[in-house]
Amino acid sequence: MKTKNNTILITGGGSGIGFEMAKLFSQENKVIITGRSPERLQKAALQLNNVTTIAADITNEADVKNLVQRLGAEFPELNIVVNNAGLAHYYKLTDDNADAYTRASQEIQTNYLSTVRLTELLISQLKKQEEAAFVNISSITAFAPGMSLPTYGVSKAALHSYSQVLRISLEKVSNIKVFEIMPPFVDTDFSAEIGGSKGISPVYVAYDVLDALNKNEYEKHVAGTADFYKLFLSSPAAALEALNSGSN
């Protein structure tokens, strides 16, 4: 797939992985970044070129509908959507007052259902393009969940299944491709609470997205997750144990 002269929407584009993708892709593409904080988006835009900001909370139905309307009116040539915005709660199901239901609801809404809604509303616009793609930022926890991130893994497993079904559905009726990027822990503000400081730089994830598009590699296992995926294929139980070996 071409990686130049595209018009790209990146959700959660004001920081972390989203910001690094915007920085990389805005060199040779038109980029729109969206997020909940107008201040964070403006701060990001000052560090980037050829970027438009649109403040929107992807978990809010009204915000999403307004976003889609603006994209249709102002960026009819939009051809790549990166579903990057995410949420993770660090807790254990055995914690006192874990409030697992509330936390699970928030993560499922942000990491899975919001992607479903935005994708559905933008399919018709992307179908009009000669070449188009949805890029879903998933996680290796889709294959083996962690005890300290009980619902995060569930939400990413749902996103993984959805990405697969969306891919085979769209390839039968359109030129839209569906990519899924599966990083390990990434060192961002978002992941600080869950051990992200030990993770890889978000820059590596951005370049792997570019590589996946270049090679039409629809499921990209970033960095050490490629080895973890091999372990999962050989022994799901061993992969689950490995991911949770440091948890108490």
Protein backbone atom coordinates (compact mmCIF):
# COMPACT_ATOMS: atom_id res chain seq x y z
CA MET A 1 0.00 0.00 0.00
CA LYS A 2 1.23 3.51 -0.74
CA THR A 3 2.59 5.46 2.23
CA LYS A 4 2.76 8.90 0.58
CA ASN A 5 0.10 11.40 -0.47
CA ASN A 6 -2.54 9.94 1.82
CA THR A 7 -4.99 11.73 4.09
CA ILE A 8 -4.78 10.04 7.48
CA LEU A 9 -6.90 10.28 10.63
CA ILE A 10 -5.18 9.26 13.87
CA THR A 11 -7.27 8.96 17.02
CA GLY A 12 -5.43 9.65 20.25
CA GLY A 13 -2.93 11.58 18.14
CA GLY A 14 -1.88 14.14 20.73
CA SER A 15 0.64 11.99 22.58
CA GLY A 16 2.45 8.67 22.74
CA ILE A 17 2.16 6.30 19.80
CA GLY A 18 -0.39 8.52 18.08
CA PHE A 19 1.89 11.55 18.22
CA GLU A 20 4.86 9.60 16.85
CA MET A 21 2.74 8.25 14.00
CA ALA A 22 1.54 11.78 13.22
CA LYS A 23 5.13 13.03 13.28
CA LEU A 24 6.30 10.31 10.90
CA PHE A 25 3.38 10.30 8.48
CA SER A 26 2.95 14.09 8.29
CA GLN A 27 6.28 14.31 6.46
CA GLU A 28 4.68 13.02 3.25
CA ASN A 29 0.95 12.88 4.00
CA LYS A 30 -1.89 15.07 5.21
CA VAL A 31 -2.69 14.12 8.81
CA ILE A 32 -5.64 14.82 11.10
CA ILE A 33 -5.21 14.08 14.80
CA THR A 34 -8.05 13.85 17.26
CA GLY A 35 -8.32 13.48 21.01
CA ARG A 36 -10.27 14.66 24.02
CA SER A 37 -7.95 17.52 25.04
CA PRO A 38 -7.80 20.58 22.74
CA GLU A 39 -4.78 21.83 24.70
CA ARG A 40 -2.84 18.59 24.18
CA LEU A 41 -3.73 18.56 20.49
CA GLN A 42 -2.56 22.15 20.00
CA LYS A 43 0.67 21.44 21.85
CA ALA A 44 1.26 18.46 19.57
CA ALA A 45 0.41 20.45 16.44
CA LEU A 46 3.05 23.05 17.28
CA GLN A 47 5.65 20.30 16.94
CA LEU A 48 4.31 18.94 13.66
CA ASN A 49 3.85 20.01 10.05
CA ASN A 50 0.85 19.53 7.77
CA VAL A 51 -1.41 18.47 10.66
CA THR A 52 -5.00 19.44 11.45
CA THR A 53 -6.45 19.00 14.94
CA ILE A 54 -10.07 18.13 15.75
CA ALA A 55 -10.99 17.77 19.41
CA ALA A 56 -13.32 14.80 19.90
CA ASP A 57 -13.93 12.13 22.52
CA ILE A 58 -14.30 8.88 20.59
CA THR A 59 -16.39 7.40 23.39
CA ASN A 60 -18.96 10.17 22.95
CA GLU A 61 -21.54 9.49 20.23
CA ALA A 62 -22.22 13.17 19.49
CA ASP A 63 -18.50 13.94 19.22
CA VAL A 64 -17.99 11.03 16.84
CA LYS A 65 -20.88 12.06 14.59
CA ASN A 66 -19.56 15.63 14.46
CA LEU A 67 -16.08 14.31 13.66
CA VAL A 68 -17.37 12.15 10.82
CA GLN A 69 -19.36 15.07 9.38
CA ARG A 70 -16.30 17.32 9.42
CA LEU A 71 -14.17 14.65 7.78
CA GLY A 72 -16.71 14.20 5.01
CA ALA A 73 -16.99 17.95 4.39
CA GLU A 74 -13.37 19.05 4.85
CA PHE A 75 -11.40 15.90 3.99
CA PRO A 76 -13.41 13.93 1.41
CA GLU A 77 -10.17 12.33 0.26
CA LEU A 78 -9.60 10.64 3.66
CA ASN A 79 -8.27 7.16 2.95
CA ILE A 80 -6.50 5.89 6.09
CA VAL A 81 -7.97 5.70 9.61
CA VAL A 82 -5.70 4.75 12.51
CA ASN A 83 -7.71 3.59 15.52
CA ASN A 84 -5.13 4.30 18.18
CA ALA A 85 -6.95 5.84 21.17
CA GLY A 86 -6.93 3.52 24.15
CA LEU A 87 -7.41 3.09 27.88
CA ALA A 88 -5.89 0.70 30.41
CA HIS A 89 -6.70 0.21 34.10
CA TYR A 90 -4.04 -1.35 36.30
CA TYR A 91 -5.66 -3.53 38.98
CA LYS A 92 -6.38 -7.13 39.92
CA LEU A 93 -9.72 -8.85 40.07
CA THR A 94 -8.93 -9.91 43.67
CA ASP A 95 -8.30 -6.35 44.87
CA ASP A 96 -10.64 -5.03 47.54
CA ASN A 97 -13.02 -2.54 45.93
CA ALA A 98 -11.59 -3.26 42.48
CA ASP A 99 -14.76 -1.90 40.85
CA ALA A 100 -14.03 -4.25 37.98
CA TYR A 101 -17.35 -3.67 36.24
CA THR A 102 -16.84 0.09 35.93
CA ARG A 103 -13.26 -0.29 34.78
CA ALA A 104 -14.14 -3.05 32.35
CA SER A 105 -16.98 -0.98 30.89
CA GLN A 106 -14.64 1.96 30.28
CA GLU A 107 -11.96 -0.18 28.63
CA ILE A 108 -14.36 -2.10 26.42
CA GLN A 109 -16.00 1.15 25.35
CA THR A 110 -12.71 2.91 24.55
CA ASN A 111 -10.61 0.07 23.16
CA TYR A 112 -13.25 -1.86 21.25
CA LEU A 113 -16.74 -0.41 20.87
CA SER A 114 -15.52 3.08 19.97
CA THR A 115 -13.44 1.59 17.17
CA VAL A 116 -16.45 -0.34 15.90
CA ARG A 117 -18.61 2.80 15.81
CA LEU A 118 -16.06 5.07 14.16
CA THR A 119 -15.11 2.41 11.62
CA GLU A 120 -18.71 1.73 10.66
CA LEU A 121 -19.38 5.44 10.13
CA LEU A 122 -16.30 5.89 7.92
CA ILE A 123 -16.49 2.79 5.74
CA SER A 124 -18.61 4.51 3.10
CA GLN A 125 -16.14 7.40 2.82
CA LEU A 126 -13.14 5.10 2.51
CA LYS A 127 -14.92 2.97 -0.10
CA LYS A 128 -14.82 5.99 -2.42
CA GLN A 129 -11.02 6.04 -2.45
CA GLU A 130 -8.81 4.17 -4.89
CA GLU A 131 -6.82 2.73 -1.99
CA ALA A 132 -7.76 2.83 1.69
CA ALA A 133 -7.07 1.22 5.04
CA PHE A 134 -8.09 0.92 8.65
CA VAL A 135 -5.15 0.47 11.04
CA ASN A 136 -6.06 -0.87 14.48
CA ILE A 137 -3.51 -0.51 17.27
CA SER A 138 -4.01 -3.66 19.28
CA SER A 139 -1.73 -5.47 21.75
CA ILE A 140 0.00 -8.78 22.24
CA THR A 141 -2.28 -9.20 25.27
CA ALA A 142 -4.96 -10.15 22.77
CA PHE A 143 -3.38 -13.61 22.88
CA ALA A 144 -2.52 -13.84 26.59
CA PRO A 145 -4.04 -11.48 29.18
CA GLY A 146 -2.19 -10.17 32.22
CA MET A 147 -3.51 -10.45 35.78
CA SER A 148 -2.79 -6.77 36.41
CA LEU A 149 -4.59 -5.72 33.22
CA PRO A 150 -7.57 -8.06 33.29
CA THR A 151 -9.92 -6.19 31.00
CA TYR A 152 -7.33 -4.53 28.78
CA GLY A 153 -6.45 -7.94 27.34
CA VAL A 154 -10.14 -8.76 26.92
CA SER A 155 -10.74 -5.55 24.99
CA LYS A 156 -7.74 -6.18 22.74
CA ALA A 157 -8.83 -9.77 22.13
CA ALA A 158 -12.17 -8.38 20.97
CA LEU A 159 -10.38 -5.87 18.74
CA HIS A 160 -8.23 -8.67 17.28
CA SER A 161 -11.27 -10.74 16.35
CA TYR A 162 -13.06 -7.69 14.97
CA SER A 163 -10.02 -6.77 12.86
CA GLN A 164 -9.95 -10.24 11.32
CA VAL A 165 -13.65 -10.27 10.49
CA LEU A 166 -13.53 -6.70 9.17
CA ARG A 167 -10.59 -7.61 6.94
CA ILE A 168 -12.18 -10.60 5.26
CA SER A 169 -15.51 -8.76 4.96
CA LEU A 170 -14.12 -5.64 3.30
CA GLU A 171 -11.78 -7.45 0.94
CA LYS A 172 -14.81 -9.01 -0.72
CA VAL A 173 -16.58 -5.71 -1.45
CA SER A 174 -13.95 -2.95 -1.54
CA ASN A 175 -10.30 -1.92 -1.83
CA ILE A 176 -10.12 -1.21 1.92
CA LYS A 177 -7.36 -3.07 3.74
CA VAL A 178 -7.34 -3.76 7.48
CA PHE A 179 -4.11 -3.77 9.45
CA GLU A 180 -3.61 -4.73 13.08
CA ILE A 181 -0.49 -3.62 14.95
CA MET A 182 0.39 -5.54 18.10
CA PRO A 183 3.04 -3.86 20.27
CA PRO A 184 4.39 -4.90 23.67
CA PHE A 185 4.62 -2.40 26.53
CA VAL A 186 5.42 1.02 25.10
CA ASP A 187 7.02 3.86 27.07
CA THR A 188 4.32 6.54 27.06
CA ASP A 189 2.44 8.65 29.62
CA PHE A 190 -0.53 6.38 28.95
CA SER A 191 1.36 3.28 30.07
CA ALA A 192 3.30 4.73 33.01
CA GLU A 193 1.03 3.09 35.59
CA ILE A 194 1.26 -0.33 33.95
CA GLY A 195 5.05 -0.55 33.63
CA GLY A 196 5.47 1.20 30.32
CA SER A 197 8.73 2.82 31.42
CA LYS A 198 10.33 -0.58 30.80
CA GLY A 199 8.86 -0.73 27.33
CA ILE A 200 10.00 0.24 23.86
CA SER A 201 9.89 3.74 22.45
CA PRO A 202 6.67 4.69 20.61
CA VAL A 203 8.90 5.69 17.70
CA TYR A 204 9.50 2.00 16.96
CA VAL A 205 5.76 1.36 16.80
CA ALA A 206 5.27 4.24 14.36
CA TYR A 207 7.94 2.87 12.03
CA ASP A 208 6.45 -0.62 12.25
CA VAL A 209 3.09 0.80 11.15
CA LEU A 210 4.85 2.31 8.14
CA ASP A 211 6.57 -1.01 7.46
CA ALA A 212 3.30 -2.93 7.70
CA LEU A 213 1.65 -0.62 5.17
CA ASN A 214 4.61 -0.85 2.81
CA LYS A 215 4.63 -4.65 2.91
CA ASN A 216 0.86 -5.23 3.21
CA GLU A 217 1.58 -7.10 6.44
CA TYR A 218 -1.88 -7.20 7.90
CA GLU A 219 -0.99 -8.47 11.40
CA LYS A 220 2.23 -6.88 12.64
CA HIS A 221 3.90 -8.20 15.80
CA VAL A 222 6.12 -5.39 17.04
CA ALA A 223 9.58 -6.05 18.52
CA GLY A 224 9.65 -8.98 20.99
CA THR A 225 5.99 -9.76 20.47
CA ALA A 226 6.95 -11.80 17.41
CA ASP A 227 8.74 -14.30 19.68
CA PHE A 228 5.88 -14.20 22.16
CA TYR A 229 3.42 -15.01 19.37
CA LYS A 230 5.52 -18.05 18.42
CA LEU A 231 5.41 -19.19 22.06
CA PHE A 232 1.64 -18.70 22.08
CA LEU A 233 1.24 -20.83 18.95
CA SER A 234 3.33 -23.63 20.44
CA SER A 235 1.78 -23.46 23.93
CA PRO A 236 -0.95 -21.01 24.95
CA ALA A 237 -0.51 -22.09 28.56
CA ALA A 238 3.22 -21.30 28.48
CA ALA A 239 2.52 -17.88 26.95
CA LEU A 240 -0.03 -17.09 29.65
CA GLU A 241 2.43 -18.16 32.35
CA ALA A 242 5.25 -16.12 30.79
CA LEU A 243 3.18 -12.97 30.64
CA ASN A 244 2.17 -13.31 34.27
CA SER A 245 5.44 -14.63 35.72
CA GLY A 246 6.24 -11.31 37.38
CA SER A 247 2.78 -10.77 38.87
CA ASN A 248 2.01 -11.43 42.51
